[in-house]
């Protein structure tokens, strides 16, 4: 899920546009429903140490297989 308004990462998105951040989360649910996922994980990589390589806030919807904890 990628919002059209530019925010560098999830932290900037949450601080600068909390309603848009909520909309992004709502869209992750829509994707999960569309893909018929009963379980899924939403991931925001924030900062290079967390694996962020695209410098625009976006969410990943992961599902369709077992997701172990801790992730990695």
PDB file of N, CA and C in Angstrom:
ATOM      1  N   UNK A   1       0.839  -1.154   0.000  1.00  0.00           N
ATOM      2  CA  UNK A   1       0.000   0.000   0.000  1.00  0.00           C
ATOM      3  C   UNK A   1       0.894   1.229   0.000  1.00  0.00           C
ATOM      4  N   UNK A   2       0.744   2.073  -0.971  1.00  0.00           N
ATOM      5  CA  UNK A   2       1.579   3.264  -1.087  1.00  0.00           C
ATOM      6  C   UNK A   2       0.674   4.489  -1.174  1.00  0.00           C
ATOM      7  N   UNK A   3       0.727   5.372  -0.173  1.00  0.00           N
ATOM      8  CA  UNK A   3      -0.072   6.591  -0.273  1.00  0.00           C
ATOM      9  C   UNK A   3       0.502   7.527  -1.339  1.00  0.00           C
ATOM     10  N   UNK A   4      -0.349   8.302  -1.984  1.00  0.00           N
ATOM     11  CA  UNK A   4       0.123   9.231  -3.013  1.00  0.00           C
ATOM     12  C   UNK A   4       0.910  10.392  -2.410  1.00  0.00           C
ATOM     13  N   UNK A   5       0.525  10.840  -1.211  1.00  0.00           N
ATOM     14  CA  UNK A   5       1.258  11.923  -0.547  1.00  0.00           C
ATOM     15  C   UNK A   5       2.606  11.368  -0.097  1.00  0.00           C
ATOM     16  N   UNK A   6       3.661  12.162  -0.277  1.00  0.00           N
ATOM     17  CA  UNK A   6       4.995  11.664   0.052  1.00  0.00           C
ATOM     18  C   UNK A   6       5.340  11.878   1.524  1.00  0.00           C
ATOM     19  N   UNK A   7       5.694  10.788   2.163  1.00  0.00           N
ATOM     20  CA  UNK A   7       6.291  10.777   3.498  1.00  0.00           C
ATOM     21  C   UNK A   7       7.434   9.793   3.421  1.00  0.00           C
ATOM     22  N   UNK A   8       8.559  10.143   4.003  1.00  0.00           N
ATOM     23  CA  UNK A   8       9.780   9.337   3.884  1.00  0.00           C
ATOM     24  C   UNK A   8       9.613   7.931   4.442  1.00  0.00           C
ATOM     25  N   UNK A   9       8.885   7.796   5.547  1.00  0.00           N
ATOM     26  CA  UNK A   9       8.726   6.484   6.177  1.00  0.00           C
ATOM     27  C   UNK A   9       7.447   6.480   7.013  1.00  0.00           C
ATOM     28  N   UNK A  10       7.177   5.358   7.646  1.00  0.00           N
ATOM     29  CA  UNK A  10       5.943   5.213   8.419  1.00  0.00           C
ATOM     30  C   UNK A  10       5.883   6.187   9.589  1.00  0.00           C
ATOM     31  N   UNK A  11       7.015   6.475  10.211  1.00  0.00           N
ATOM     32  CA  UNK A  11       7.028   7.408  11.341  1.00  0.00           C
ATOM     33  C   UNK A  11       6.617   8.805  10.886  1.00  0.00           C
ATOM     34  N   UNK A  12       7.154   9.257   9.753  1.00  0.00           N
ATOM     35  CA  UNK A  12       6.776  10.573   9.229  1.00  0.00           C
ATOM     36  C   UNK A  12       5.313  10.592   8.797  1.00  0.00           C
ATOM     37  N   UNK A  13       4.837   9.502   8.222  1.00  0.00           N
ATOM     38  CA  UNK A  13       3.443   9.403   7.826  1.00  0.00           C
ATOM     39  C   UNK A  13       2.530   9.505   9.045  1.00  0.00           C
ATOM     40  N   UNK A  14       2.834   8.768  10.086  1.00  0.00           N
ATOM     41  CA  UNK A  14       2.007   8.775  11.298  1.00  0.00           C
ATOM     42  C   UNK A  14       1.986  10.153  11.951  1.00  0.00           C
ATOM     43  N   UNK A  15       3.138  10.820  11.978  1.00  0.00           N
ATOM     44  CA  UNK A  15       3.222  12.138  12.607  1.00  0.00           C
ATOM     45  C   UNK A  15       2.570  13.219  11.747  1.00  0.00           C
ATOM     46  N   UNK A  16       2.761  13.131  10.435  1.00  0.00           N
ATOM     47  CA  UNK A  16       2.300  14.196   9.555  1.00  0.00           C
ATOM     48  C   UNK A  16       0.888  14.043   9.034  1.00  0.00           C
ATOM     49  N   UNK A  17       0.402  12.816   8.985  1.00  0.00           N
ATOM     50  CA  UNK A  17      -0.927  12.575   8.406  1.00  0.00           C
ATOM     51  C   UNK A  17      -1.546  11.328   9.035  1.00  0.00           C
ATOM     52  N   UNK A  18      -1.923  11.424  10.312  1.00  0.00           N
ATOM     53  CA  UNK A  18      -2.447  10.232  10.987  1.00  0.00           C
ATOM     54  C   UNK A  18      -3.676   9.628  10.315  1.00  0.00           C
ATOM     55  N   UNK A  19      -4.518  10.450   9.730  1.00  0.00           N
ATOM     56  CA  UNK A  19      -5.695   9.896   9.039  1.00  0.00           C
ATOM     57  C   UNK A  19      -5.285   9.120   7.794  1.00  0.00           C
ATOM     58  N   UNK A  20      -4.281   9.627   7.092  1.00  0.00           N
ATOM     59  CA  UNK A  20      -3.773   8.907   5.922  1.00  0.00           C
ATOM     60  C   UNK A  20      -3.123   7.595   6.365  1.00  0.00           C
ATOM     61  N   UNK A  21      -2.416   7.615   7.475  1.00  0.00           N
ATOM     62  CA  UNK A  21      -1.829   6.378   8.006  1.00  0.00           C
ATOM     63  C   UNK A  21      -2.927   5.360   8.304  1.00  0.00           C
ATOM     64  N   UNK A  22      -4.028   5.818   8.873  1.00  0.00           N
ATOM     65  CA  UNK A  22      -5.160   4.925   9.146  1.00  0.00           C
ATOM     66  C   UNK A  22      -5.752   4.399   7.841  1.00  0.00           C
ATOM     67  N   UNK A  23      -5.805   5.247   6.825  1.00  0.00           N
ATOM     68  CA  UNK A  23      -6.311   4.802   5.526  1.00  0.00           C
ATOM     69  C   UNK A  23      -5.419   3.716   4.927  1.00  0.00           C
ATOM     70  N   UNK A  24      -4.110   3.876   5.084  1.00  0.00           N
ATOM     71  CA  UNK A  24      -3.182   2.848   4.585  1.00  0.00           C
ATOM     72  C   UNK A  24      -3.462   1.521   5.286  1.00  0.00           C
ATOM     73  N   UNK A  25      -3.658   1.557   6.597  1.00  0.00           N
ATOM     74  CA  UNK A  25      -3.970   0.318   7.326  1.00  0.00           C
ATOM     75  C   UNK A  25      -5.299  -0.273   6.872  1.00  0.00           C
ATOM     76  N   UNK A  26      -6.285   0.573   6.632  1.00  0.00           N
ATOM     77  CA  UNK A  26      -7.572   0.078   6.146  1.00  0.00           C
ATOM     78  C   UNK A  26      -7.413  -0.602   4.785  1.00  0.00           C
ATOM     79  N   UNK A  27      -6.565  -0.045   3.943  1.00  0.00           N
ATOM     80  CA  UNK A  27      -6.325  -0.649   2.632  1.00  0.00           C
ATOM     81  C   UNK A  27      -5.621  -1.996   2.752  1.00  0.00           C
ATOM     82  N   UNK A  28      -4.767  -2.152   3.767  1.00  0.00           N
ATOM     83  CA  UNK A  28      -4.129  -3.469   3.947  1.00  0.00           C
ATOM     84  C   UNK A  28      -5.193  -4.516   4.232  1.00  0.00           C
ATOM     85  N   UNK A  29      -6.206  -4.147   4.994  1.00  0.00           N
ATOM     86  CA  UNK A  29      -7.317  -5.069   5.265  1.00  0.00           C
ATOM     87  C   UNK A  29      -8.055  -5.400   3.976  1.00  0.00           C
ATOM     88  N   UNK A  30      -8.275  -4.395   3.140  1.00  0.00           N
ATOM     89  CA  UNK A  30      -8.960  -4.622   1.865  1.00  0.00           C
ATOM     90  C   UNK A  30      -8.175  -5.595   0.988  1.00  0.00           C
ATOM     91  N   UNK A  31      -6.862  -5.446   0.949  1.00  0.00           N
ATOM     92  CA  UNK A  31      -6.022  -6.364   0.176  1.00  0.00           C
ATOM     93  C   UNK A  31      -6.115  -7.776   0.748  1.00  0.00           C
ATOM     94  N   UNK A  32      -6.027  -7.891   2.070  1.00  0.00           N
ATOM     95  CA  UNK A  32      -6.130  -9.203   2.713  1.00  0.00           C
ATOM     96  C   UNK A  32      -7.477  -9.850   2.397  1.00  0.00           C
ATOM     97  N   UNK A  33      -8.545  -9.076   2.444  1.00  0.00           N
ATOM     98  CA  UNK A  33      -9.867  -9.602   2.114  1.00  0.00           C
ATOM     99  C   UNK A  33      -9.934 -10.045   0.652  1.00  0.00           C
ATOM    100  N   UNK A  34      -9.393  -9.216  -0.226  1.00  0.00           N
ATOM    101  CA  UNK A  34      -9.392  -9.529  -1.659  1.00  0.00           C
ATOM    102  C   UNK A  34      -8.624 -10.818  -1.930  1.00  0.00           C
ATOM    103  N   UNK A  35      -7.534 -11.010  -1.206  1.00  0.00           N
ATOM    104  CA  UNK A  35      -6.699 -12.209  -1.383  1.00  0.00           C
ATOM    105  C   UNK A  35      -7.190 -13.391  -0.546  1.00  0.00           C
ATOM    106  N   UNK A  36      -8.299 -13.180   0.183  1.00  0.00           N
ATOM    107  CA  UNK A  36      -8.900 -14.206   1.029  1.00  0.00           C
ATOM    108  C   UNK A  36      -7.915 -14.724   2.095  1.00  0.00           C
ATOM    109  N   UNK A  37      -7.194 -13.787   2.700  1.00  0.00           N
ATOM    110  CA  UNK A  37      -6.249 -14.129   3.764  1.00  0.00           C
ATOM    111  C   UNK A  37      -6.961 -14.034   5.101  1.00  0.00           C
ATOM    112  N   UNK A  38      -7.003 -15.116   5.850  1.00  0.00           N
ATOM    113  CA  UNK A  38      -7.597 -15.042   7.186  1.00  0.00           C
ATOM    114  C   UNK A  38      -6.567 -14.612   8.216  1.00  0.00           C
ATOM    115  N   UNK A  39      -5.290 -14.762   7.879  1.00  0.00           N
ATOM    116  CA  UNK A  39      -4.190 -14.290   8.722  1.00  0.00           C
ATOM    117  C   UNK A  39      -3.186 -13.587   7.826  1.00  0.00           C
ATOM    118  N   UNK A  40      -2.661 -12.495   8.317  1.00  0.00           N
ATOM    119  CA  UNK A  40      -1.677 -11.757   7.520  1.00  0.00           C
ATOM    120  C   UNK A  40      -0.865 -10.855   8.440  1.00  0.00           C
ATOM    121  N   UNK A  41       0.241 -10.374   7.921  1.00  0.00           N
ATOM    122  CA  UNK A  41       1.121  -9.462   8.663  1.00  0.00           C
ATOM    123  C   UNK A  41       1.284  -8.197   7.838  1.00  0.00           C
ATOM    124  N   UNK A  42       1.259  -7.049   8.507  1.00  0.00           N
ATOM    125  CA  UNK A  42       1.499  -5.765   7.863  1.00  0.00           C
ATOM    126  C   UNK A  42       2.873  -5.284   8.330  1.00  0.00           C
ATOM    127  N   UNK A  43       3.736  -4.921   7.367  1.00  0.00           N
ATOM    128  CA  UNK A  43       5.100  -4.517   7.695  1.00  0.00           C
ATOM    129  C   UNK A  43       5.383  -3.143   7.100  1.00  0.00           C
ATOM    130  N   UNK A  44       5.915  -2.261   7.936  1.00  0.00           N
ATOM    131  CA  UNK A  44       6.465  -0.974   7.496  1.00  0.00           C
ATOM    132  C   UNK A  44       7.955  -1.013   7.848  1.00  0.00           C
ATOM    133  N   UNK A  45       8.825  -0.968   6.864  1.00  0.00           N
ATOM    134  CA  UNK A  45      10.259  -0.864   7.144  1.00  0.00           C
ATOM    135  C   UNK A  45      10.587   0.617   7.284  1.00  0.00           C
ATOM    136  N   UNK A  46      11.085   1.010   8.443  1.00  0.00           N
ATOM    137  CA  UNK A  46      11.375   2.416   8.714  1.00  0.00           C
ATOM    138  C   UNK A  46      12.844   2.564   9.056  1.00  0.00           C
ATOM    139  N   UNK A  47      13.613   3.093   8.110  1.00  0.00           N
ATOM    140  CA  UNK A  47      15.047   3.286   8.285  1.00  0.00           C
ATOM    141  C   UNK A  47      15.849   2.158   7.655  1.00  0.00           C
ATOM    142  N   UNK A  48      17.063   2.479   7.236  1.00  0.00           N
ATOM    143  CA  UNK A  48      17.899   1.485   6.559  1.00  0.00           C
ATOM    144  C   UNK A  48      18.224   0.293   7.453  1.00  0.00           C
ATOM    145  N   UNK A  49      18.334   0.516   8.760  1.00  0.00           N
ATOM    146  CA  UNK A  49      18.606  -0.585   9.674  1.00  0.00           C
ATOM    147  C   UNK A  49      17.473  -1.593   9.751  1.00  0.00           C
ATOM    148  N   UNK A  50      16.291  -1.182   9.347  1.00  0.00           N
ATOM    149  CA  UNK A  50      15.126  -2.074   9.341  1.00  0.00           C
ATOM    150  C   UNK A  50      14.857  -2.632   7.947  1.00  0.00           C
ATOM    151  N   UNK A  51      15.738  -2.320   7.002  1.00  0.00           N
ATOM    152  CA  UNK A  51      15.585  -2.849   5.654  1.00  0.00           C
ATOM    153  C   UNK A  51      14.865  -1.935   4.681  1.00  0.00           C
ATOM    154  N   UNK A  52      14.627  -0.672   5.069  1.00  0.00           N
ATOM    155  CA  UNK A  52      13.955   0.234   4.139  1.00  0.00           C
ATOM    156  C   UNK A  52      14.897   0.579   3.006  1.00  0.00           C
ATOM    157  N   UNK A  53      14.455   0.336   1.781  1.00  0.00           N
ATOM    158  CA  UNK A  53      15.239   0.680   0.586  1.00  0.00           C
ATOM    159  C   UNK A  53      14.477   1.606  -0.345  1.00  0.00           C
ATOM    160  N   UNK A  54      13.175   1.721  -0.137  1.00  0.00           N
ATOM    161  CA  UNK A  54      12.327   2.645  -0.899  1.00  0.00           C
ATOM    162  C   UNK A  54      11.974   3.769   0.052  1.00  0.00           C
ATOM    163  N   UNK A  55      12.380   4.984  -0.269  1.00  0.00           N
ATOM    164  CA  UNK A  55      12.236   6.111   0.663  1.00  0.00           C
ATOM    165  C   UNK A  55      10.929   6.855   0.454  1.00  0.00           C
ATOM    166  N   UNK A  56       9.867   6.081   0.527  1.00  0.00           N
ATOM    167  CA  UNK A  56       8.490   6.575   0.473  1.00  0.00           C
ATOM    168  C   UNK A  56       7.687   5.626   1.349  1.00  0.00           C
ATOM    169  N   UNK A  57       6.940   6.151   2.301  1.00  0.00           N
ATOM    170  CA  UNK A  57       6.182   5.297   3.219  1.00  0.00           C
ATOM    171  C   UNK A  57       5.281   4.342   2.442  1.00  0.00           C
ATOM    172  N   UNK A  58       5.335   3.095   2.819  1.00  0.00           N
ATOM    173  CA  UNK A  58       4.481   2.085   2.205  1.00  0.00           C
ATOM    174  C   UNK A  58       4.382   0.884   3.137  1.00  0.00           C
ATOM    175  N   UNK A  59       3.335   0.112   2.964  1.00  0.00           N
ATOM    176  CA  UNK A  59       3.102  -1.075   3.796  1.00  0.00           C
ATOM    177  C   UNK A  59       3.150  -2.318   2.925  1.00  0.00           C
ATOM    178  N   UNK A  60       3.700  -3.372   3.496  1.00  0.00           N
ATOM    179  CA  UNK A  60       3.711  -4.689   2.860  1.00  0.00           C
ATOM    180  C   UNK A  60       2.648  -5.542   3.546  1.00  0.00           C
ATOM    181  N   UNK A  61       1.864  -6.268   2.768  1.00  0.00           N
ATOM    182  CA  UNK A  61       0.883  -7.209   3.306  1.00  0.00           C
ATOM    183  C   UNK A  61       1.419  -8.610   3.012  1.00  0.00           C
ATOM    184  N   UNK A  62       1.739  -9.333   4.078  1.00  0.00           N
ATOM    185  CA  UNK A  62       2.317 -10.674   3.939  1.00  0.00           C
ATOM    186  C   UNK A  62       1.311 -11.701   4.422  1.00  0.00           C
ATOM    187  N   UNK A  63       1.108 -12.741   3.660  1.00  0.00           N
ATOM    188  CA  UNK A  63       0.183 -13.787   4.064  1.00  0.00           C
ATOM    189  C   UNK A  63       0.173 -14.905   3.051  1.00  0.00           C
ATOM    190  N   UNK A  64      -0.719 -15.832   3.262  1.00  0.00           N
ATOM    191  CA  UNK A  64      -0.843 -16.945   2.337  1.00  0.00           C
ATOM    192  C   UNK A  64       0.045 -18.126   2.673  1.00  0.00           C
ATOM    193  N   UNK A  65       0.778 -18.029   3.771  1.00  0.00           N
ATOM    194  CA  UNK A  65       1.631 -19.116   4.245  1.00  0.00           C
ATOM    195  C   UNK A  65       1.843 -18.901   5.738  1.00  0.00           C
ATOM    196  N   UNK A  66       2.396 -19.883   6.397  1.00  0.00           N
ATOM    197  CA  UNK A  66       2.699 -19.728   7.809  1.00  0.00           C
ATOM    198  C   UNK A  66       3.764 -18.664   8.023  1.00  0.00           C
ATOM    199  N   UNK A  67       3.555 -17.806   8.988  1.00  0.00           N
ATOM    200  CA  UNK A  67       4.538 -16.769   9.319  1.00  0.00           C
ATOM    201  C   UNK A  67       5.038 -17.038  10.718  1.00  0.00           C
ATOM    202  N   UNK A  68       6.281 -17.425  10.817  1.00  0.00           N
ATOM    203  CA  UNK A  68       6.879 -17.773  12.097  1.00  0.00           C
ATOM    204  C   UNK A  68       7.198 -16.528  12.916  1.00  0.00           C
ATOM    205  N   UNK A  69       7.333 -16.697  14.212  1.00  0.00           N
ATOM    206  CA  UNK A  69       7.764 -15.613  15.082  1.00  0.00           C
ATOM    207  C   UNK A  69       8.951 -16.084  15.883  1.00  0.00           C
ATOM    208  N   UNK A  70       9.996 -15.351  16.027  1.00  0.00           N
ATOM    209  CA  UNK A  70      10.166 -14.007  15.483  1.00  0.00           C
ATOM    210  C   UNK A  70      10.436 -14.045  13.981  1.00  0.00           C
ATOM    211  N   UNK A  71      10.090 -12.955  13.296  1.00  0.00           N
ATOM    212  CA  UNK A  71      10.333 -12.910  11.851  1.00  0.00           C
ATOM    213  C   UNK A  71      11.820 -12.821  11.570  1.00  0.00           C
ATOM    214  N   UNK A  72      12.197 -13.168  10.372  1.00  0.00           N
ATOM    215  CA  UNK A  72      13.598 -13.031   9.997  1.00  0.00           C
ATOM    216  C   UNK A  72      14.051 -14.063   9.033  1.00  0.00           C
TER     217      UNK A  72
END
